[in-house]
Protein backbone atom coordinates (compact mmCIF):
# COMPACT_ATOMS: atom_id res chain seq x y z
CA UNK A 1 0.00 0.00 0.00
CA UNK A 2 1.49 3.34 -1.02
CA UNK A 3 1.56 6.54 1.03
CA UNK A 4 -1.10 8.18 -1.15
CA UNK A 5 -3.57 5.39 -0.66
CA UNK A 6 -3.09 5.49 3.14
CA UNK A 7 -3.64 9.25 3.26
CA UNK A 8 -6.69 8.95 1.03
CA UNK A 9 -8.26 6.42 3.37
CA UNK A 10 -7.75 8.64 6.43
CA UNK A 11 -8.71 12.08 5.08
CA UNK A 12 -11.80 12.30 2.93
CA UNK A 13 -13.10 15.54 1.53
CA UNK A 14 -16.46 16.14 -0.06
CA UNK A 15 -16.82 19.62 -1.52
CA UNK A 16 -20.60 19.26 -1.51
CA UNK A 17 -20.76 18.67 2.26
CA UNK A 18 -20.40 21.98 4.16
CA UNK A 19 -18.22 22.18 7.25
CA UNK A 20 -20.70 23.60 9.76
CA UNK A 21 -18.49 23.45 12.86
CA UNK A 22 -16.89 26.81 12.01
CA UNK A 23 -17.61 29.68 14.44
CA UNK A 24 -20.04 32.42 13.47
CA UNK A 25 -18.70 35.75 12.24
CA UNK A 26 -18.16 38.27 13.70
CA UNK A 27 -16.96 36.67 16.93
CA UNK A 28 -19.02 37.32 20.04
CA UNK A 29 -16.00 38.26 22.13
CA UNK A 30 -13.71 41.18 21.43
CA UNK A 31 -10.47 39.98 19.84
CA UNK A 32 -8.50 43.24 20.11
CA UNK A 33 -9.37 46.17 22.38
CA UNK A 34 -10.55 49.22 20.46
CA UNK A 35 -7.65 51.31 21.79
CA UNK A 36 -5.14 48.88 20.27
CA UNK A 37 -6.91 49.09 16.91
CA UNK A 38 -6.98 52.90 17.04
CA UNK A 39 -3.26 53.04 17.74
CA UNK A 40 -2.55 50.57 14.94
CA UNK A 41 -4.44 52.82 12.49
CA UNK A 42 -2.51 55.89 13.63
CA UNK A 43 0.80 54.00 13.32
CA UNK A 44 -0.13 52.74 9.86
CA UNK A 45 -0.95 56.24 8.64
CA UNK A 46 2.27 57.62 10.11
CA UNK A 47 4.29 54.87 8.49
CA UNK A 48 2.56 55.47 5.16
CA UNK A 49 3.67 59.09 5.26
CA UNK A 50 7.35 58.19 5.72
CA UNK A 51 9.71 58.63 2.79
CA UNK A 52 12.47 56.09 2.10
CA UNK A 53 14.50 58.27 -0.28
PDB file of N, CA and C in Angstrom:
ATOM      1  N   UNK A   1       0.859  -1.184   0.000  1.00  0.00           N
ATOM      2  CA  UNK A   1       0.000   0.000   0.000  1.00  0.00           C
ATOM      3  C   UNK A   1       0.899   1.238   0.000  1.00  0.00           C
ATOM      4  N   UNK A   2       0.657   2.146  -0.909  1.00  0.00           N
ATOM      5  CA  UNK A   2       1.492   3.340  -1.015  1.00  0.00           C
ATOM      6  C   UNK A   2       1.042   4.409  -0.027  1.00  0.00           C
ATOM      7  N   UNK A   3       1.864   5.438   0.111  1.00  0.00           N
ATOM      8  CA  UNK A   3       1.561   6.545   1.031  1.00  0.00           C
ATOM      9  C   UNK A   3       0.269   7.246   0.623  1.00  0.00           C
ATOM     10  N   UNK A   4       0.094   7.469  -0.684  1.00  0.00           N
ATOM     11  CA  UNK A   4      -1.100   8.175  -1.152  1.00  0.00           C
ATOM     12  C   UNK A   4      -2.373   7.427  -0.786  1.00  0.00           C
ATOM     13  N   UNK A   5      -2.353   6.141  -0.948  1.00  0.00           N
ATOM     14  CA  UNK A   5      -3.573   5.391  -0.659  1.00  0.00           C
ATOM     15  C   UNK A   5      -3.881   5.394   0.835  1.00  0.00           C
ATOM     16  N   UNK A   6      -2.859   5.401   1.688  1.00  0.00           N
ATOM     17  CA  UNK A   6      -3.089   5.488   3.136  1.00  0.00           C
ATOM     18  C   UNK A   6      -3.698   6.839   3.496  1.00  0.00           C
ATOM     19  N   UNK A   7      -3.136   7.913   2.952  1.00  0.00           N
ATOM     20  CA  UNK A   7      -3.642   9.250   3.256  1.00  0.00           C
ATOM     21  C   UNK A   7      -5.061   9.412   2.737  1.00  0.00           C
ATOM     22  N   UNK A   8      -5.346   8.831   1.610  1.00  0.00           N
ATOM     23  CA  UNK A   8      -6.690   8.952   1.034  1.00  0.00           C
ATOM     24  C   UNK A   8      -7.727   8.241   1.906  1.00  0.00           C
ATOM     25  N   UNK A   9      -7.342   7.149   2.523  1.00  0.00           N
ATOM     26  CA  UNK A   9      -8.264   6.416   3.373  1.00  0.00           C
ATOM     27  C   UNK A   9      -8.550   7.161   4.675  1.00  0.00           C
ATOM     28  N   UNK A  10      -7.594   7.936   5.152  1.00  0.00           N
ATOM     29  CA  UNK A  10      -7.752   8.642   6.430  1.00  0.00           C
ATOM     30  C   UNK A  10      -8.522   9.946   6.241  1.00  0.00           C
ATOM     31  N   UNK A  11      -8.123  10.761   5.274  1.00  0.00           N
ATOM     32  CA  UNK A  11      -8.709  12.075   5.077  1.00  0.00           C
ATOM     33  C   UNK A  11      -9.618  12.055   3.854  1.00  0.00           C
ATOM     34  N   UNK A  12     -10.883  12.204   4.056  1.00  0.00           N
ATOM     35  CA  UNK A  12     -11.804  12.295   2.935  1.00  0.00           C
ATOM     36  C   UNK A  12     -12.372  13.699   2.895  1.00  0.00           C
ATOM     37  N   UNK A  13     -12.590  14.190   1.710  1.00  0.00           N
ATOM     38  CA  UNK A  13     -13.101  15.543   1.528  1.00  0.00           C
ATOM     39  C   UNK A  13     -14.212  15.502   0.502  1.00  0.00           C
ATOM     40  N   UNK A  14     -15.337  16.054   0.859  1.00  0.00           N
ATOM     41  CA  UNK A  14     -16.458  16.141  -0.060  1.00  0.00           C
ATOM     42  C   UNK A  14     -16.825  17.615  -0.185  1.00  0.00           C
ATOM     43  N   UNK A  15     -16.575  18.182  -1.342  1.00  0.00           N
ATOM     44  CA  UNK A  15     -16.821  19.623  -1.522  1.00  0.00           C
ATOM     45  C   UNK A  15     -18.299  19.983  -1.461  1.00  0.00           C
ATOM     46  N   UNK A  16     -19.166  18.996  -1.573  1.00  0.00           N
ATOM     47  CA  UNK A  16     -20.596  19.259  -1.509  1.00  0.00           C
ATOM     48  C   UNK A  16     -21.141  19.228  -0.091  1.00  0.00           C
ATOM     49  N   UNK A  17     -20.338  18.763   0.867  1.00  0.00           N
ATOM     50  CA  UNK A  17     -20.757  18.668   2.258  1.00  0.00           C
ATOM     51  C   UNK A  17     -20.150  19.844   3.033  1.00  0.00           C
ATOM     52  N   UNK A  18     -20.962  20.816   3.473  1.00  0.00           N
ATOM     53  CA  UNK A  18     -20.399  21.984   4.164  1.00  0.00           C
ATOM     54  C   UNK A  18     -19.830  21.617   5.534  1.00  0.00           C
ATOM     55  N   UNK A  19     -18.826  22.370   5.930  1.00  0.00           N
ATOM     56  CA  UNK A  19     -18.221  22.182   7.253  1.00  0.00           C
ATOM     57  C   UNK A  19     -18.890  23.165   8.189  1.00  0.00           C
ATOM     58  N   UNK A  20     -19.870  22.714   8.944  1.00  0.00           N
ATOM     59  CA  UNK A  20     -20.697  23.596   9.762  1.00  0.00           C
ATOM     60  C   UNK A  20     -20.185  23.795  11.183  1.00  0.00           C
ATOM     61  N   UNK A  21     -19.032  23.267  11.522  1.00  0.00           N
ATOM     62  CA  UNK A  21     -18.494  23.452  12.864  1.00  0.00           C
ATOM     63  C   UNK A  21     -17.663  24.726  12.987  1.00  0.00           C
ATOM     64  N   UNK A  22     -17.632  25.558  11.949  1.00  0.00           N
ATOM     65  CA  UNK A  22     -16.895  26.810  12.008  1.00  0.00           C
ATOM     66  C   UNK A  22     -17.646  27.805  12.880  1.00  0.00           C
ATOM     67  N   UNK A  23     -16.928  28.692  13.591  1.00  0.00           N
ATOM     68  CA  UNK A  23     -17.614  29.681  14.439  1.00  0.00           C
ATOM     69  C   UNK A  23     -18.309  30.741  13.592  1.00  0.00           C
ATOM     70  N   UNK A  24     -19.333  31.344  14.148  1.00  0.00           N
ATOM     71  CA  UNK A  24     -20.044  32.424  13.470  1.00  0.00           C
ATOM     72  C   UNK A  24     -19.175  33.677  13.413  1.00  0.00           C
ATOM     73  N   UNK A  25     -19.407  34.485  12.374  1.00  0.00           N
ATOM     74  CA  UNK A  25     -18.697  35.747  12.242  1.00  0.00           C
ATOM     75  C   UNK A  25     -19.696  36.874  12.371  1.00  0.00           C
ATOM     76  N   UNK A  26     -19.367  37.980  12.930  1.00  0.00           N
ATOM     77  CA  UNK A  26     -18.164  38.275  13.700  1.00  0.00           C
ATOM     78  C   UNK A  26     -18.199  37.565  15.042  1.00  0.00           C
ATOM     79  N   UNK A  27     -17.008  37.368  15.644  1.00  0.00           N
ATOM     80  CA  UNK A  27     -16.961  36.672  16.928  1.00  0.00           C
ATOM     81  C   UNK A  27     -17.713  37.436  18.011  1.00  0.00           C
ATOM     82  N   UNK A  28     -18.249  36.720  18.954  1.00  0.00           N
ATOM     83  CA  UNK A  28     -19.020  37.325  20.040  1.00  0.00           C
ATOM     84  C   UNK A  28     -18.103  38.124  20.958  1.00  0.00           C
ATOM     85  N   UNK A  29     -16.932  37.581  21.232  1.00  0.00           N
ATOM     86  CA  UNK A  29     -15.995  38.260  22.128  1.00  0.00           C
ATOM     87  C   UNK A  29     -15.127  39.230  21.348  1.00  0.00           C
ATOM     88  N   UNK A  30     -14.592  40.191  22.041  1.00  0.00           N
ATOM     89  CA  UNK A  30     -13.715  41.184  21.435  1.00  0.00           C
ATOM     90  C   UNK A  30     -12.318  40.588  21.293  1.00  0.00           C
ATOM     91  N   UNK A  31     -11.789  40.562  20.074  1.00  0.00           N
ATOM     92  CA  UNK A  31     -10.470  39.979  19.837  1.00  0.00           C
ATOM     93  C   UNK A  31      -9.379  40.962  20.252  1.00  0.00           C
ATOM     94  N   UNK A  32      -9.463  42.190  19.770  1.00  0.00           N
ATOM     95  CA  UNK A  32      -8.504  43.237  20.111  1.00  0.00           C
ATOM     96  C   UNK A  32      -9.275  44.397  20.747  1.00  0.00           C
ATOM     97  N   UNK A  33      -8.717  44.977  21.803  1.00  0.00           N
ATOM     98  CA  UNK A  33      -9.367  46.166  22.377  1.00  0.00           C
ATOM     99  C   UNK A  33      -9.390  47.309  21.360  1.00  0.00           C
ATOM    100  N   UNK A  34     -10.403  48.140  21.429  1.00  0.00           N
ATOM    101  CA  UNK A  34     -10.552  49.224  20.459  1.00  0.00           C
ATOM    102  C   UNK A  34      -9.376  50.202  20.506  1.00  0.00           C
ATOM    103  N   UNK A  35      -8.799  50.401  21.680  1.00  0.00           N
ATOM    104  CA  UNK A  35      -7.654  51.313  21.788  1.00  0.00           C
ATOM    105  C   UNK A  35      -6.456  50.777  21.001  1.00  0.00           C
ATOM    106  N   UNK A  36      -6.241  49.488  21.032  1.00  0.00           N
ATOM    107  CA  UNK A  36      -5.139  48.882  20.269  1.00  0.00           C
ATOM    108  C   UNK A  36      -5.374  49.085  18.773  1.00  0.00           C
ATOM    109  N   UNK A  37      -6.592  48.893  18.321  1.00  0.00           N
ATOM    110  CA  UNK A  37      -6.907  49.088  16.906  1.00  0.00           C
ATOM    111  C   UNK A  37      -6.735  50.545  16.490  1.00  0.00           C
ATOM    112  N   UNK A  38      -7.151  51.471  17.355  1.00  0.00           N
ATOM    113  CA  UNK A  38      -6.984  52.901  17.039  1.00  0.00           C
ATOM    114  C   UNK A  38      -5.504  53.251  16.902  1.00  0.00           C
ATOM    115  N   UNK A  39      -4.693  52.754  17.811  1.00  0.00           N
ATOM    116  CA  UNK A  39      -3.258  53.043  17.741  1.00  0.00           C
ATOM    117  C   UNK A  39      -2.609  52.399  16.528  1.00  0.00           C
ATOM    118  N   UNK A  40      -3.077  51.232  16.133  1.00  0.00           N
ATOM    119  CA  UNK A  40      -2.549  50.570  14.937  1.00  0.00           C
ATOM    120  C   UNK A  40      -2.866  51.388  13.689  1.00  0.00           C
ATOM    121  N   UNK A  41      -4.061  51.977  13.634  1.00  0.00           N
ATOM    122  CA  UNK A  41      -4.445  52.816  12.492  1.00  0.00           C
ATOM    123  C   UNK A  41      -3.569  54.057  12.432  1.00  0.00           C
ATOM    124  N   UNK A  42      -3.360  54.687  13.581  1.00  0.00           N
ATOM    125  CA  UNK A  42      -2.511  55.894  13.626  1.00  0.00           C
ATOM    126  C   UNK A  42      -1.085  55.537  13.192  1.00  0.00           C
ATOM    127  N   UNK A  43      -0.561  54.421  13.677  1.00  0.00           N
ATOM    128  CA  UNK A  43       0.801  54.002  13.317  1.00  0.00           C
ATOM    129  C   UNK A  43       0.892  53.686  11.828  1.00  0.00           C
ATOM    130  N   UNK A  44      -0.134  53.069  11.281  1.00  0.00           N
ATOM    131  CA  UNK A  44      -0.129  52.736   9.856  1.00  0.00           C
ATOM    132  C   UNK A  44      -0.120  54.001   9.005  1.00  0.00           C
ATOM    133  N   UNK A  45      -0.919  54.983   9.394  1.00  0.00           N
ATOM    134  CA  UNK A  45      -0.953  56.241   8.644  1.00  0.00           C
ATOM    135  C   UNK A  45       0.385  56.973   8.748  1.00  0.00           C
ATOM    136  N   UNK A  46       0.980  56.958   9.918  1.00  0.00           N
ATOM    137  CA  UNK A  46       2.272  57.621  10.105  1.00  0.00           C
ATOM    138  C   UNK A  46       3.350  56.931   9.266  1.00  0.00           C
ATOM    139  N   UNK A  47       3.308  55.625   9.253  1.00  0.00           N
ATOM    140  CA  UNK A  47       4.291  54.872   8.490  1.00  0.00           C
ATOM    141  C   UNK A  47       4.078  55.091   6.996  1.00  0.00           C
ATOM    142  N   UNK A  48       2.847  55.222   6.570  1.00  0.00           N
ATOM    143  CA  UNK A  48       2.560  55.474   5.158  1.00  0.00           C
ATOM    144  C   UNK A  48       3.068  56.824   4.692  1.00  0.00           C
ATOM    145  N   UNK A  49       3.185  57.773   5.608  1.00  0.00           N
ATOM    146  CA  UNK A  49       3.674  59.094   5.263  1.00  0.00           C
ATOM    147  C   UNK A  49       5.190  59.198   5.254  1.00  0.00           C
ATOM    148  N   UNK A  50       5.885  58.151   5.670  1.00  0.00           N
ATOM    149  CA  UNK A  50       7.345  58.191   5.718  1.00  0.00           C
ATOM    150  C   UNK A  50       7.919  58.054   4.304  1.00  0.00           C
ATOM    151  N   UNK A  51       9.034  58.704   4.077  1.00  0.00           N
ATOM    152  CA  UNK A  51       9.713  58.634   2.792  1.00  0.00           C
ATOM    153  C   UNK A  51      11.000  57.838   2.943  1.00  0.00           C
ATOM    154  N   UNK A  52      11.271  56.940   2.006  1.00  0.00           N
ATOM    155  CA  UNK A  52      12.470  56.088   2.104  1.00  0.00           C
ATOM    156  C   UNK A  52      13.598  56.625   1.237  1.00  0.00           C
ATOM    157  N   UNK A  53      13.453  57.758   0.596  1.00  0.00           N
ATOM    158  CA  UNK A  53      14.497  58.270  -0.279  1.00  0.00           C
ATOM    159  C   UNK A  53      15.629  58.899   0.461  1.00  0.00           C
TER     160      UNK A  53
END
